[in-house]
Every structure is written in structure tokens, then in C-alpha cells.
């Protein structure tokens, strides 16, 4: 496990691994309702972009961006996200 962590740290794969895990575990992180109405998510340069077509959800996510960022970083036990963008 330690060798794999070191390999990910040295390579540029770590952000991609986090993005894949985030997509796979999105429902576990944010819950079924938010997950259902989220069109897609992407992670680039520690910026999480969330796409949704549902206006009330967009408003809720905008108001709770800081909490969402903290929840995701706590879920991964590492600083994965610095900023949340809602589109």
C-alpha cells in the first residue's frame, strides 16, 4: 500500500485516480437525490465542476459549496478539492 501511494504521489496519475473514485463513489458522498439529478462531474486542478439541469439543486449546491468541499476532502482524508464550480 505504501509503495502504491508513493507511485501515485510521484506520477501524475493521482488526480485522475481521485476523479475516477469521485465519479464511482459520488452517490455515497452526496446521497441518492443529489446524485440522481447531477448530470456529470469533473475534477481538474483541484477544481470540482458539477453539472446539473435542475435549478433548485443548482441553488442548493451553490449555497452549500464550502460544506460539499469539506465533506469530499474528509471522505478522501486528503485535500482533493480546493474549489467547487456549479454549472
N, C-alpha and C. Protein backbone atom coordinates (compact mmCIF):
# COMPACT_ATOMS: atom_id res chain seq x y z
N UNK A 1 0.81 -1.20 0.00
CA UNK A 1 0.00 0.00 0.00
C UNK A 1 0.85 1.26 0.00
N UNK A 2 1.92 1.23 0.77
CA UNK A 2 2.79 2.40 0.86
C UNK A 2 3.50 2.65 -0.48
N UNK A 3 3.91 1.57 -1.14
CA UNK A 3 4.60 1.69 -2.43
C UNK A 3 3.65 2.27 -3.47
N UNK A 4 2.39 1.83 -3.45
CA UNK A 4 1.40 2.35 -4.40
C UNK A 4 1.14 3.83 -4.14
N UNK A 5 1.04 4.22 -2.89
CA UNK A 5 0.85 5.63 -2.55
C UNK A 5 2.02 6.48 -3.03
N UNK A 6 3.22 5.96 -2.87
CA UNK A 6 4.42 6.67 -3.32
C UNK A 6 4.43 6.80 -4.84
N UNK A 7 4.05 5.73 -5.55
CA UNK A 7 3.99 5.76 -7.01
C UNK A 7 2.98 6.80 -7.49
N UNK A 8 1.80 6.82 -6.87
CA UNK A 8 0.78 7.80 -7.24
C UNK A 8 1.26 9.22 -6.96
N UNK A 9 1.96 9.40 -5.85
CA UNK A 9 2.48 10.71 -5.46
C UNK A 9 3.49 11.22 -6.49
N UNK A 10 4.38 10.34 -6.96
CA UNK A 10 5.43 10.73 -7.90
C UNK A 10 4.89 10.90 -9.33
N UNK A 11 3.91 10.11 -9.68
CA UNK A 11 3.36 10.20 -11.05
C UNK A 11 2.28 11.27 -11.10
N UNK A 12 1.76 11.49 -12.27
CA UNK A 12 0.67 12.45 -12.43
C UNK A 12 -0.68 11.75 -12.46
N UNK A 13 -0.73 10.52 -11.99
CA UNK A 13 -1.96 9.73 -12.02
C UNK A 13 -2.89 10.07 -10.88
N UNK A 14 -2.36 10.60 -9.81
CA UNK A 14 -3.16 10.81 -8.60
C UNK A 14 -4.44 11.62 -8.85
N UNK A 15 -4.38 12.76 -9.55
CA UNK A 15 -5.63 13.50 -9.81
C UNK A 15 -6.65 12.68 -10.60
N UNK A 16 -6.19 11.88 -11.56
CA UNK A 16 -7.09 11.05 -12.35
C UNK A 16 -7.72 9.96 -11.50
N UNK A 17 -6.93 9.39 -10.60
CA UNK A 17 -7.45 8.36 -9.70
C UNK A 17 -8.53 8.96 -8.81
N UNK A 18 -8.30 10.16 -8.29
CA UNK A 18 -9.31 10.82 -7.47
C UNK A 18 -10.56 11.13 -8.28
N UNK A 19 -10.40 11.57 -9.52
CA UNK A 19 -11.56 11.86 -10.36
C UNK A 19 -12.38 10.60 -10.60
N UNK A 20 -11.71 9.50 -10.91
CA UNK A 20 -12.42 8.23 -11.13
C UNK A 20 -13.14 7.77 -9.87
N UNK A 21 -12.45 7.86 -8.72
CA UNK A 21 -13.08 7.47 -7.46
C UNK A 21 -14.26 8.37 -7.13
N UNK A 22 -14.13 9.65 -7.41
CA UNK A 22 -15.19 10.60 -7.14
C UNK A 22 -16.43 10.25 -7.97
N UNK A 23 -16.23 9.93 -9.24
CA UNK A 23 -17.35 9.55 -10.11
C UNK A 23 -17.99 8.25 -9.64
N UNK A 24 -17.17 7.28 -9.26
CA UNK A 24 -17.68 5.98 -8.82
C UNK A 24 -18.41 6.08 -7.48
N UNK A 25 -17.93 6.92 -6.59
CA UNK A 25 -18.45 6.98 -5.23
C UNK A 25 -19.31 8.22 -4.98
N UNK A 26 -19.71 8.90 -6.05
CA UNK A 26 -20.47 10.15 -5.95
C UNK A 26 -21.73 9.99 -5.10
N UNK A 27 -22.50 8.92 -5.36
CA UNK A 27 -23.73 8.71 -4.61
C UNK A 27 -23.47 8.51 -3.12
N UNK A 28 -22.41 7.80 -2.79
CA UNK A 28 -22.06 7.57 -1.38
C UNK A 28 -21.64 8.87 -0.71
N UNK A 29 -21.06 9.78 -1.47
CA UNK A 29 -20.57 11.05 -0.90
C UNK A 29 -21.71 12.05 -0.71
N UNK A 30 -22.55 12.23 -1.74
CA UNK A 30 -23.55 13.30 -1.70
C UNK A 30 -24.97 12.82 -1.44
N UNK A 31 -25.21 11.53 -1.55
CA UNK A 31 -26.56 11.00 -1.34
C UNK A 31 -27.25 10.71 -2.67
N UNK A 32 -28.32 9.94 -2.55
CA UNK A 32 -29.03 9.44 -3.73
C UNK A 32 -29.70 10.56 -4.53
N UNK A 33 -30.34 11.50 -3.85
CA UNK A 33 -31.09 12.55 -4.54
C UNK A 33 -30.18 13.45 -5.36
N UNK A 34 -29.13 13.96 -4.75
CA UNK A 34 -28.20 14.84 -5.48
C UNK A 34 -27.54 14.07 -6.61
N UNK A 35 -27.16 12.85 -6.35
CA UNK A 35 -26.52 12.02 -7.36
C UNK A 35 -27.44 11.80 -8.56
N UNK A 36 -28.71 11.57 -8.29
CA UNK A 36 -29.69 11.30 -9.36
C UNK A 36 -29.84 12.48 -10.31
N UNK A 37 -29.77 13.70 -9.77
CA UNK A 37 -30.01 14.90 -10.59
C UNK A 37 -28.73 15.60 -11.03
N UNK A 38 -27.60 14.99 -10.78
CA UNK A 38 -26.33 15.52 -11.26
C UNK A 38 -26.06 14.92 -12.63
N UNK A 39 -25.90 15.76 -13.63
CA UNK A 39 -25.66 15.26 -14.99
C UNK A 39 -24.27 14.65 -15.12
N UNK A 40 -23.25 15.39 -14.67
CA UNK A 40 -21.88 14.87 -14.69
C UNK A 40 -21.02 15.68 -13.74
N UNK A 41 -19.83 15.13 -13.43
CA UNK A 41 -18.86 15.84 -12.60
C UNK A 41 -17.48 15.65 -13.22
N UNK A 42 -16.62 16.63 -13.00
CA UNK A 42 -15.23 16.50 -13.46
C UNK A 42 -14.32 17.18 -12.44
N UNK A 43 -13.10 16.69 -12.38
CA UNK A 43 -12.11 17.23 -11.44
C UNK A 43 -10.86 17.57 -12.22
N UNK A 44 -10.46 18.84 -12.15
CA UNK A 44 -9.26 19.29 -12.86
C UNK A 44 -8.58 20.36 -12.02
N UNK A 45 -7.31 20.17 -11.74
CA UNK A 45 -6.54 21.13 -10.93
C UNK A 45 -7.21 21.44 -9.59
N UNK A 46 -7.71 20.39 -8.94
CA UNK A 46 -8.38 20.50 -7.64
C UNK A 46 -9.64 21.35 -7.68
N UNK A 47 -10.22 21.50 -8.89
CA UNK A 47 -11.49 22.21 -9.06
C UNK A 47 -12.53 21.19 -9.50
N UNK A 48 -13.55 21.00 -8.66
CA UNK A 48 -14.63 20.09 -8.97
C UNK A 48 -15.72 20.87 -9.69
N UNK A 49 -16.09 20.42 -10.88
CA UNK A 49 -17.17 21.04 -11.63
C UNK A 49 -18.34 20.07 -11.63
N UNK A 50 -19.49 20.56 -11.19
CA UNK A 50 -20.71 19.76 -11.10
C UNK A 50 -21.71 20.33 -12.10
N UNK A 51 -22.23 19.47 -12.97
CA UNK A 51 -23.21 19.88 -13.97
C UNK A 51 -24.58 19.35 -13.59
N UNK A 52 -25.58 20.24 -13.56
CA UNK A 52 -26.96 19.84 -13.30
C UNK A 52 -27.90 20.76 -14.07
N UNK A 53 -29.06 20.21 -14.46
CA UNK A 53 -30.07 20.99 -15.17
C UNK A 53 -31.23 21.38 -14.26
N UNK A 54 -31.15 20.98 -12.99
CA UNK A 54 -32.22 21.21 -12.04
C UNK A 54 -31.91 22.48 -11.24
N UNK A 55 -32.69 23.53 -11.48
CA UNK A 55 -32.43 24.84 -10.88
C UNK A 55 -32.41 24.81 -9.34
N UNK A 56 -33.39 24.16 -8.67
CA UNK A 56 -33.34 24.15 -7.20
C UNK A 56 -32.08 23.45 -6.66
N UNK A 57 -31.67 22.38 -7.32
CA UNK A 57 -30.45 21.68 -6.90
C UNK A 57 -29.23 22.56 -7.11
N UNK A 58 -29.21 23.26 -8.24
CA UNK A 58 -28.10 24.17 -8.52
C UNK A 58 -27.99 25.21 -7.41
N UNK A 59 -29.12 25.77 -7.00
CA UNK A 59 -29.14 26.78 -5.94
C UNK A 59 -28.66 26.18 -4.61
N UNK A 60 -29.14 24.98 -4.30
CA UNK A 60 -28.73 24.31 -3.06
C UNK A 60 -27.22 24.03 -3.05
N UNK A 61 -26.69 23.59 -4.19
CA UNK A 61 -25.26 23.31 -4.29
C UNK A 61 -24.44 24.60 -4.17
N UNK A 62 -24.94 25.68 -4.77
CA UNK A 62 -24.24 26.96 -4.68
C UNK A 62 -24.15 27.43 -3.22
N UNK A 63 -25.24 27.25 -2.48
CA UNK A 63 -25.25 27.66 -1.08
C UNK A 63 -24.38 26.75 -0.21
N UNK A 64 -24.24 25.49 -0.60
CA UNK A 64 -23.50 24.55 0.23
C UNK A 64 -22.15 24.14 -0.34
N UNK A 65 -21.56 24.99 -1.19
CA UNK A 65 -20.29 24.65 -1.84
C UNK A 65 -19.17 24.37 -0.83
N UNK A 66 -19.07 25.19 0.17
CA UNK A 66 -18.00 25.03 1.17
C UNK A 66 -18.16 23.73 1.95
N UNK A 67 -19.39 23.44 2.34
CA UNK A 67 -19.67 22.20 3.08
C UNK A 67 -19.40 20.98 2.19
N UNK A 68 -19.79 21.05 0.93
CA UNK A 68 -19.55 19.95 -0.01
C UNK A 68 -18.06 19.71 -0.17
N UNK A 69 -17.30 20.79 -0.33
CA UNK A 69 -15.84 20.69 -0.46
C UNK A 69 -15.25 20.01 0.78
N UNK A 70 -15.67 20.45 1.95
CA UNK A 70 -15.17 19.86 3.19
C UNK A 70 -15.55 18.39 3.32
N UNK A 71 -16.79 18.04 2.94
CA UNK A 71 -17.23 16.65 3.01
C UNK A 71 -16.41 15.75 2.09
N UNK A 72 -16.13 16.21 0.89
CA UNK A 72 -15.35 15.41 -0.06
C UNK A 72 -13.92 15.24 0.43
N UNK A 73 -13.31 16.31 0.88
CA UNK A 73 -11.94 16.22 1.40
C UNK A 73 -11.87 15.30 2.62
N UNK A 74 -12.89 15.36 3.46
CA UNK A 74 -12.94 14.49 4.63
C UNK A 74 -13.16 13.03 4.21
N UNK A 75 -13.99 12.82 3.19
CA UNK A 75 -14.27 11.47 2.69
C UNK A 75 -12.98 10.79 2.20
N UNK A 76 -12.15 11.55 1.49
CA UNK A 76 -10.90 11.01 0.96
C UNK A 76 -9.73 11.14 1.95
N UNK A 77 -9.98 11.81 3.07
CA UNK A 77 -8.95 12.02 4.10
C UNK A 77 -7.70 12.69 3.52
N UNK A 78 -7.94 13.59 2.59
CA UNK A 78 -6.87 14.32 1.91
C UNK A 78 -7.48 15.54 1.22
N UNK A 79 -6.67 16.54 0.98
CA UNK A 79 -7.16 17.74 0.30
C UNK A 79 -7.21 17.46 -1.21
N UNK A 80 -8.38 17.06 -1.67
CA UNK A 80 -8.58 16.69 -3.06
C UNK A 80 -9.14 17.87 -3.85
N UNK A 81 -9.95 18.69 -3.17
CA UNK A 81 -10.67 19.78 -3.83
C UNK A 81 -10.39 21.10 -3.12
N UNK A 82 -10.09 22.12 -3.93
CA UNK A 82 -9.92 23.48 -3.40
C UNK A 82 -11.12 24.36 -3.73
N UNK A 83 -11.81 24.02 -4.82
CA UNK A 83 -12.90 24.86 -5.30
C UNK A 83 -13.99 24.01 -5.92
N UNK A 84 -15.26 24.43 -5.74
CA UNK A 84 -16.41 23.75 -6.35
C UNK A 84 -17.07 24.73 -7.30
N UNK A 85 -17.30 24.29 -8.53
CA UNK A 85 -17.95 25.10 -9.56
C UNK A 85 -19.25 24.40 -9.95
N UNK A 86 -20.35 25.14 -9.96
CA UNK A 86 -21.64 24.58 -10.32
C UNK A 86 -22.07 25.14 -11.67
N UNK A 87 -22.41 24.27 -12.59
CA UNK A 87 -22.86 24.71 -13.93
C UNK A 87 -24.15 24.02 -14.29
